[in-house]
Protein backbone atom coordinates (compact mmCIF):
# COMPACT_ATOMS: atom_id res chain seq x y z
CA MET A 1 0.00 0.00 0.00
CA LYS A 2 1.30 3.46 -0.93
CA PRO A 3 -0.84 6.01 0.93
CA LEU A 4 -1.59 9.47 -0.44
CA TYR A 5 -2.44 12.32 1.92
CA LEU A 6 -4.05 15.70 1.27
CA ALA A 7 -1.79 18.36 2.79
CA PRO A 8 -3.20 20.90 5.27
CA MET A 9 -3.66 24.23 3.45
CA GLU A 10 -5.15 27.45 4.75
CA ASP A 11 -8.37 28.48 2.94
CA VAL A 12 -8.16 25.31 0.85
CA THR A 13 -8.74 22.13 2.85
CA ASP A 14 -12.21 22.91 4.13
CA PRO A 15 -14.82 20.12 4.41
CA ALA A 16 -16.08 20.59 0.86
CA PHE A 17 -12.65 20.05 -0.68
CA ARG A 18 -11.59 17.35 1.77
CA LEU A 19 -14.61 15.22 0.91
CA LEU A 20 -13.94 15.53 -2.83
CA CYS A 21 -10.32 14.50 -2.38
CA LYS A 22 -11.41 11.63 -0.16
CA ARG A 23 -13.79 10.39 -2.82
CA PHE A 24 -11.00 10.35 -5.37
CA GLY A 25 -8.70 8.29 -3.18
CA ALA A 26 -6.95 10.48 -0.59
CA ASP A 27 -6.07 8.07 2.22
CA ARG A 28 -5.92 10.82 4.81
CA VAL A 29 -7.06 14.43 4.79
CA TYR A 30 -5.98 17.35 6.96
CA THR A 31 -7.94 20.41 8.03
CA GLU A 32 -6.76 23.94 7.49
CA PHE A 33 -4.34 24.90 10.23
CA VAL A 34 -5.99 26.11 13.43
CA ASN A 35 -4.58 28.96 15.53
CA ALA A 36 -4.13 27.56 19.05
CA ASP A 37 -4.49 30.93 20.78
CA ALA A 38 -7.69 31.72 18.88
CA LEU A 39 -9.05 28.29 19.67
CA VAL A 40 -8.43 28.78 23.37
CA ARG A 41 -10.18 32.17 23.13
CA ASP A 42 -13.14 30.41 21.46
CA VAL A 43 -13.06 32.56 18.32
CA ALA A 44 -16.02 31.36 16.25
CA SER A 45 -14.26 31.37 12.86
CA THR A 46 -11.51 29.23 14.36
CA THR A 47 -13.64 26.71 16.23
CA ARG A 48 -15.63 26.20 13.02
CA LYS A 49 -12.52 24.64 11.49
CA LEU A 50 -12.90 21.73 13.91
CA GLN A 51 -15.99 20.48 12.09
CA ILE A 52 -15.19 17.06 10.66
CA SER A 53 -17.35 14.16 9.53
CA ASP A 54 -17.03 10.39 9.60
CA SER A 55 -16.96 10.42 5.79
CA GLU A 56 -13.54 12.08 5.91
CA ARG A 57 -11.82 9.58 8.17
CA PRO A 58 -9.02 9.18 8.80
CA VAL A 59 -8.78 12.93 9.29
CA SER A 60 -6.18 15.05 11.06
CA ILE A 61 -6.75 18.45 12.67
CA GLN A 62 -3.66 20.64 12.54
CA ILE A 63 -2.87 23.33 15.10
CA TYR A 64 -0.13 25.94 15.31
CA GLY A 65 1.24 28.26 17.96
CA LYS A 66 4.40 28.99 19.94
CA ASP A 67 3.35 28.62 23.57
CA PRO A 68 3.38 25.09 25.05
CA ASP A 69 0.50 25.76 27.46
CA SER A 70 -1.84 27.22 24.82
CA MET A 71 -0.91 24.46 22.36
CA ALA A 72 -1.69 21.84 25.00
CA GLU A 73 -5.02 23.47 25.83
CA ALA A 74 -5.86 23.78 22.14
CA ALA A 75 -5.04 20.09 21.67
CA ARG A 76 -7.45 19.17 24.47
CA ILE A 77 -10.16 21.22 22.74
CA VAL A 78 -9.36 19.60 19.39
CA GLU A 79 -9.56 16.13 20.93
CA GLN A 80 -13.23 16.75 21.75
CA ALA A 81 -13.89 16.88 17.97
CA LYS A 82 -12.56 13.29 17.83
CA PRO A 83 -10.05 13.53 14.98
CA ASP A 84 -7.94 10.50 14.18
CA PHE A 85 -4.75 12.55 14.59
CA ILE A 86 -3.72 15.91 16.02
CA ASP A 87 -1.00 17.46 13.87
CA LEU A 88 1.46 20.14 15.00
CA ASN A 89 2.54 22.73 12.44
CA PHE A 90 6.28 23.40 12.52
CA GLY A 91 6.50 24.21 8.81
CA CYS A 92 4.26 27.09 7.76
CA PRO A 93 6.58 29.68 6.18
CA VAL A 94 4.26 32.68 5.82
CA LYS A 95 5.24 35.86 7.63
CA LYS A 96 2.11 36.15 9.75
CA VAL A 97 2.92 32.75 11.28
CA ALA A 98 6.68 32.14 11.04
CA GLY A 99 7.47 35.81 11.65
CA LYS A 100 5.74 35.57 15.01
CA GLY A 101 7.70 32.53 16.11
CA ALA A 102 5.18 29.82 15.21
CA GLY A 103 5.12 27.36 12.31
CA ALA A 104 8.49 27.30 10.56
CA GLY A 105 9.62 30.11 12.85
CA LEU A 106 10.17 27.45 15.51
CA LEU A 107 12.90 25.84 13.40
CA ARG A 108 15.26 28.40 14.92
CA ASN A 109 14.33 27.19 18.40
CA VAL A 110 14.32 23.40 18.62
CA PRO A 111 14.02 23.35 22.43
CA ALA A 112 10.76 25.29 22.07
CA ILE A 113 9.51 22.72 19.55
CA LEU A 114 10.27 19.92 21.99
CA ASP A 115 8.56 21.78 24.85
CA ILE A 116 5.42 22.11 22.72
CA VAL A 117 5.49 18.46 21.69
CA GLY A 118 5.94 17.31 25.26
CA ALA A 119 3.11 19.49 26.54
CA VAL A 120 0.71 18.35 23.81
CA VAL A 121 1.57 14.63 24.01
CA ARG A 122 1.02 14.67 27.77
CA SER A 123 -2.33 16.42 27.36
CA VAL A 124 -4.14 14.10 24.92
CA SER A 125 -4.57 10.43 24.14
CA THR A 126 -5.07 11.00 20.39
CA PRO A 127 -1.92 10.26 18.34
CA VAL A 128 0.12 13.44 17.86
CA THR A 129 1.92 13.96 14.54
CA ALA A 130 3.94 16.85 13.13
CA LYS A 131 4.77 18.58 9.86
CA THR A 132 8.01 20.48 9.32
CA ARG A 133 10.61 21.62 6.78
CA LEU A 134 14.27 20.89 6.11
CA GLY A 135 15.40 23.87 8.17
CA TRP A 136 15.17 27.64 8.45
CA ASP A 137 17.50 28.46 5.54
CA GLU A 138 20.34 27.05 3.46
CA SER A 139 22.92 27.78 6.14
CA SER A 140 21.03 25.72 8.72
CA LEU A 141 20.60 22.53 6.69
CA PHE A 142 23.46 20.81 8.50
CA LEU A 143 24.70 20.80 12.07
CA PRO A 144 28.40 21.52 12.80
CA ASP A 145 29.17 17.78 12.86
CA GLY A 146 27.65 17.33 9.38
CA THR A 147 24.38 15.75 10.52
CA PRO A 148 21.41 17.05 8.51
CA PHE A 149 19.32 19.33 10.72
CA VAL A 150 16.09 17.57 9.81
CA VAL A 151 17.56 14.12 10.60
CA ASP A 152 18.47 15.31 14.10
CA LEU A 153 15.11 17.04 14.51
CA ALA A 154 13.23 13.91 13.44
CA GLU A 155 15.01 11.84 16.06
CA ARG A 156 14.20 14.38 18.75
CA LEU A 157 10.55 14.59 17.71
CA GLN A 158 10.27 10.83 17.75
CA ASP A 159 11.83 10.66 21.22
CA ALA A 160 9.42 13.38 22.42
CA GLY A 161 6.40 11.30 21.40
CA ILE A 162 5.56 12.30 17.83
CA ALA A 163 3.82 9.34 16.18
CA GLU A 164 4.44 10.34 12.57
CA LEU A 165 6.38 13.08 10.77
CA ALA A 166 5.65 14.86 7.48
CA ILE A 167 8.53 16.77 5.88
CA HIS A 168 8.26 19.42 3.16
CA GLY A 169 11.44 19.36 1.10
CA ARG A 170 12.20 23.08 1.34
CA THR A 171 13.59 25.48 3.92
CA ARG A 172 11.50 28.27 5.37
CA SER A 173 13.48 30.87 3.42
CA GLN A 174 12.58 29.13 0.15
CA MET A 175 8.87 29.52 0.88
CA TYR A 176 7.46 27.67 -2.16
CA ARG A 177 10.18 28.73 -4.60
CA GLY A 178 12.62 26.46 -6.37
CA GLU A 179 12.41 22.70 -6.38
CA ALA A 180 11.67 20.57 -3.34
CA ASP A 181 14.72 18.55 -2.26
CA TRP A 182 13.72 15.01 -1.34
CA THR A 183 17.23 13.74 -0.64
CA LEU A 184 17.14 14.83 3.01
CA ILE A 185 13.62 13.42 3.38
CA GLY A 186 15.09 10.13 2.20
CA GLU A 187 17.90 10.40 4.74
CA VAL A 188 15.36 10.77 7.53
CA LYS A 189 13.37 7.77 6.32
CA ASN A 190 16.46 5.61 5.93
CA ASN A 191 17.96 6.57 9.28
CA PRO A 192 18.06 3.28 11.25
CA ARG A 193 17.18 5.19 14.43
CA ILE A 194 13.83 6.27 12.97
CA HIS A 195 10.90 3.90 13.44
CA ILE A 196 7.93 6.26 13.02
CA PRO A 197 6.30 6.71 9.59
CA ILE A 198 7.83 9.46 7.43
CA ILE A 199 5.64 11.36 4.96
CA GLY A 200 7.23 13.21 2.03
CA ASN A 201 5.81 16.46 0.70
CA GLY A 202 6.76 18.90 -2.02
CA ASP A 203 6.30 19.17 -5.80
CA VAL A 204 4.50 15.87 -6.31
CA THR A 205 2.43 16.93 -9.30
CA THR A 206 2.21 13.78 -11.44
CA PRO A 207 1.67 10.04 -10.94
CA GLU A 208 5.18 9.43 -12.25
CA ARG A 209 6.72 11.71 -9.63
CA ALA A 210 4.68 10.11 -6.85
CA LYS A 211 5.95 6.66 -7.84
CA GLU A 212 9.52 7.94 -7.98
CA CYS A 213 9.24 9.39 -4.47
CA PHE A 214 7.97 6.10 -3.06
CA ASP A 215 10.54 4.02 -4.90
CA ARG A 216 13.64 6.22 -4.54
CA TYR A 217 13.19 7.63 -1.07
CA GLY A 218 11.18 4.88 0.63
CA VAL A 219 8.69 7.20 2.33
CA ASP A 220 5.68 5.70 4.05
CA ALA A 221 3.26 8.14 2.41
CA VAL A 222 3.26 10.99 -0.08
CA MET A 223 1.47 14.23 0.71
CA ILE A 224 -0.14 16.23 -2.10
CA GLY A 225 -0.60 19.98 -1.69
CA ARG A 226 -0.83 22.59 -4.42
CA ALA A 227 -1.17 20.02 -7.20
CA SER A 228 -4.65 19.24 -5.87
CA PHE A 229 -5.92 22.79 -6.51
CA GLY A 230 -8.76 22.50 -9.00
CA ALA A 231 -7.84 18.83 -9.47
CA PRO A 232 -9.03 16.64 -6.59
CA TRP A 233 -8.89 13.71 -9.03
CA ILE A 234 -5.07 13.74 -8.86
CA PHE A 235 -5.31 11.15 -6.08
CA ALA A 236 -7.23 8.81 -8.37
CA GLU A 237 -4.78 9.40 -11.21
CA ILE A 238 -1.83 8.52 -8.99
CA LYS A 239 -3.51 5.47 -7.52
CA GLU A 240 -4.49 4.22 -10.95
CA TYR A 241 -0.86 4.57 -12.02
CA LEU A 242 0.48 2.85 -8.90
CA SER A 243 -1.90 -0.08 -8.85
CA ALA A 244 -4.63 -1.82 -10.75
CA GLN A 245 -6.56 -2.15 -7.49
CA ARG A 246 -9.15 0.63 -7.42
CA SER A 247 -11.28 1.13 -4.34
CA PHE A 248 -11.98 4.76 -5.20
CA SER A 249 -13.70 6.78 -7.89
CA ALA A 250 -11.90 6.58 -11.22
CA PRO A 251 -10.39 9.87 -12.39
CA PRO A 252 -12.54 11.86 -14.81
CA ARG A 253 -11.16 11.62 -18.34
CA SER A 254 -12.86 14.31 -20.39
CA MET A 255 -12.94 18.06 -19.93
CA ALA A 256 -16.71 17.84 -19.42
CA ALA A 257 -16.29 15.31 -16.62
CA LYS A 258 -13.61 17.40 -14.91
CA VAL A 259 -15.68 20.56 -15.19
CA ALA A 260 -18.58 18.67 -13.61
CA VAL A 261 -16.33 18.00 -10.59
CA LEU A 262 -15.43 21.70 -10.41
CA LYS A 263 -19.14 22.56 -10.45
CA GLU A 264 -19.73 20.09 -7.66
CA HIS A 265 -17.02 21.81 -5.66
CA VAL A 266 -18.64 25.21 -6.21
CA LEU A 267 -21.97 23.92 -4.92
CA ALA A 268 -20.33 22.28 -1.91
CA SER A 269 -18.43 25.48 -1.10
CA ILE A 270 -21.60 27.55 -1.28
CA GLN A 271 -23.34 25.12 1.04
CA TRP A 272 -20.40 25.05 3.48
CA ILE A 273 -20.06 28.85 3.65
CA GLY A 274 -23.78 29.53 3.48
CA ASP A 275 -23.51 32.38 0.99
CA GLU A 276 -23.53 32.11 -2.80
CA ARG A 277 -21.07 34.89 -3.61
CA LYS A 278 -18.66 34.03 -0.79
CA GLY A 279 -18.74 30.38 -1.74
CA ILE A 280 -17.83 31.26 -5.33
CA VAL A 281 -15.05 33.61 -4.27
CA HIS A 282 -13.72 30.88 -2.02
CA SER A 283 -13.60 28.50 -4.99
CA ARG A 284 -11.75 30.87 -7.33
CA ARG A 285 -8.24 29.72 -6.49
CA HIS A 286 -9.28 26.31 -7.77
CA PHE A 287 -10.50 27.79 -11.06
CA ALA A 288 -7.27 29.75 -11.42
CA ALA A 289 -5.04 26.76 -10.77
CA SER A 290 -7.05 23.96 -12.35
CA PRO A 291 -5.15 22.04 -15.04
CA VAL A 292 -8.46 21.77 -16.90
CA PHE A 293 -7.95 25.28 -18.24
CA LYS A 294 -4.19 25.25 -18.70
CA GLY A 295 -2.95 25.94 -22.21
CA LEU A 296 -6.32 26.62 -23.82
CA PHE A 297 -5.94 28.80 -26.91
CA ASP A 298 -7.05 32.43 -26.59
CA PHE A 299 -8.41 31.79 -23.09
CA LYS A 300 -7.36 34.97 -21.29
CA GLN A 301 -10.65 36.90 -21.50
CA THR A 302 -12.70 33.82 -20.65
CA ARG A 303 -10.52 33.23 -17.60
CA ILE A 304 -11.00 36.82 -16.47
CA ALA A 305 -14.77 36.46 -16.84
CA LEU A 306 -14.73 33.20 -14.91
CA LEU A 307 -12.81 34.75 -12.04
CA ARG A 308 -15.12 37.77 -11.94
CA ALA A 309 -18.39 35.85 -11.97
CA GLU A 310 -20.31 36.18 -8.70
CA THR A 311 -23.31 33.89 -9.12
CA ARG A 312 -23.56 30.16 -9.58
CA ASP A 313 -25.47 30.59 -12.86
CA GLU A 314 -22.77 32.88 -14.25
CA VAL A 315 -19.97 30.51 -13.30
CA PHE A 316 -21.74 27.46 -14.68
CA ALA A 317 -22.68 29.21 -17.94
CA ILE A 318 -19.05 30.16 -18.54
CA MET A 319 -17.89 26.64 -17.70
CA ASP A 320 -20.44 25.15 -20.07
CA ASP A 321 -19.27 27.50 -22.81
CA ILE A 322 -15.66 26.44 -22.20
CA VAL A 323 -16.59 22.79 -22.57
CA ALA A 324 -18.50 23.53 -25.78
CA ARG A 325 -15.65 25.53 -27.27
CA TYR A 326 -12.64 23.48 -26.29
CA SER A 327 -13.79 19.86 -26.03
């Protein structure tokens, strides 16, 4: 078995999108990251992110923060939602998170990471996992003795009680630029001291690349992030490539079938948010990134119209016109 996971992504992995990815073969899905401090303060928009359903399982709720006590309290709150895993974010590179000492910002303070892990693991009975990066920047990839930073960190996280570790193959300073480096992910996985599952993440955009990551680096699972935007069927495409055994929906083949999935996502987003316009706006990043519309001749004005549409009827009419014109 070669599991595929949907990566946690802010404003992306809401219930509507998670359920679509699950249907197309994602073996585990993650919520958007949840601010621990806001959760402890009972901020409504934050607590809403804890809504999960049995149809998503196994599902992981991810939290982030920099204070061990608030992270532990947030984990206790999260546990009441009964996720299968509680994931700790030590990898988010964005300024509003890392710049305040949380997410990837903690990569400059490993003792603080271990304090958080210890506090959370002691506070809950749900398995605690983590997601991180290779290091803060290029200069911090290796310790003075030559040991890769992430190899040392993985050992420490394992010893502190982390049940599973996901690694994005970039440093914080890279953000999402350049190519993900899987060689250090492979070193973590092949370290004889490591016995917890290691999940690889970064630039897996095709079935061929997913197979290569499993075969070359030996990871226990591959996590798909940005390549799922506007293409939840990527999980089915990869699984079909990896194995003839199909216990999931087959990937849509035609443009019409793929557009039908995008329409379904629009409707689910509207229902989840409870407002037609806001649901459509929320779905726009998927339109913009969807491979369905990549490379279509003379598409610029149609794309602009699609991204400006504010009603379901407008969006669907434009999508129908695209199918008629380009199929």
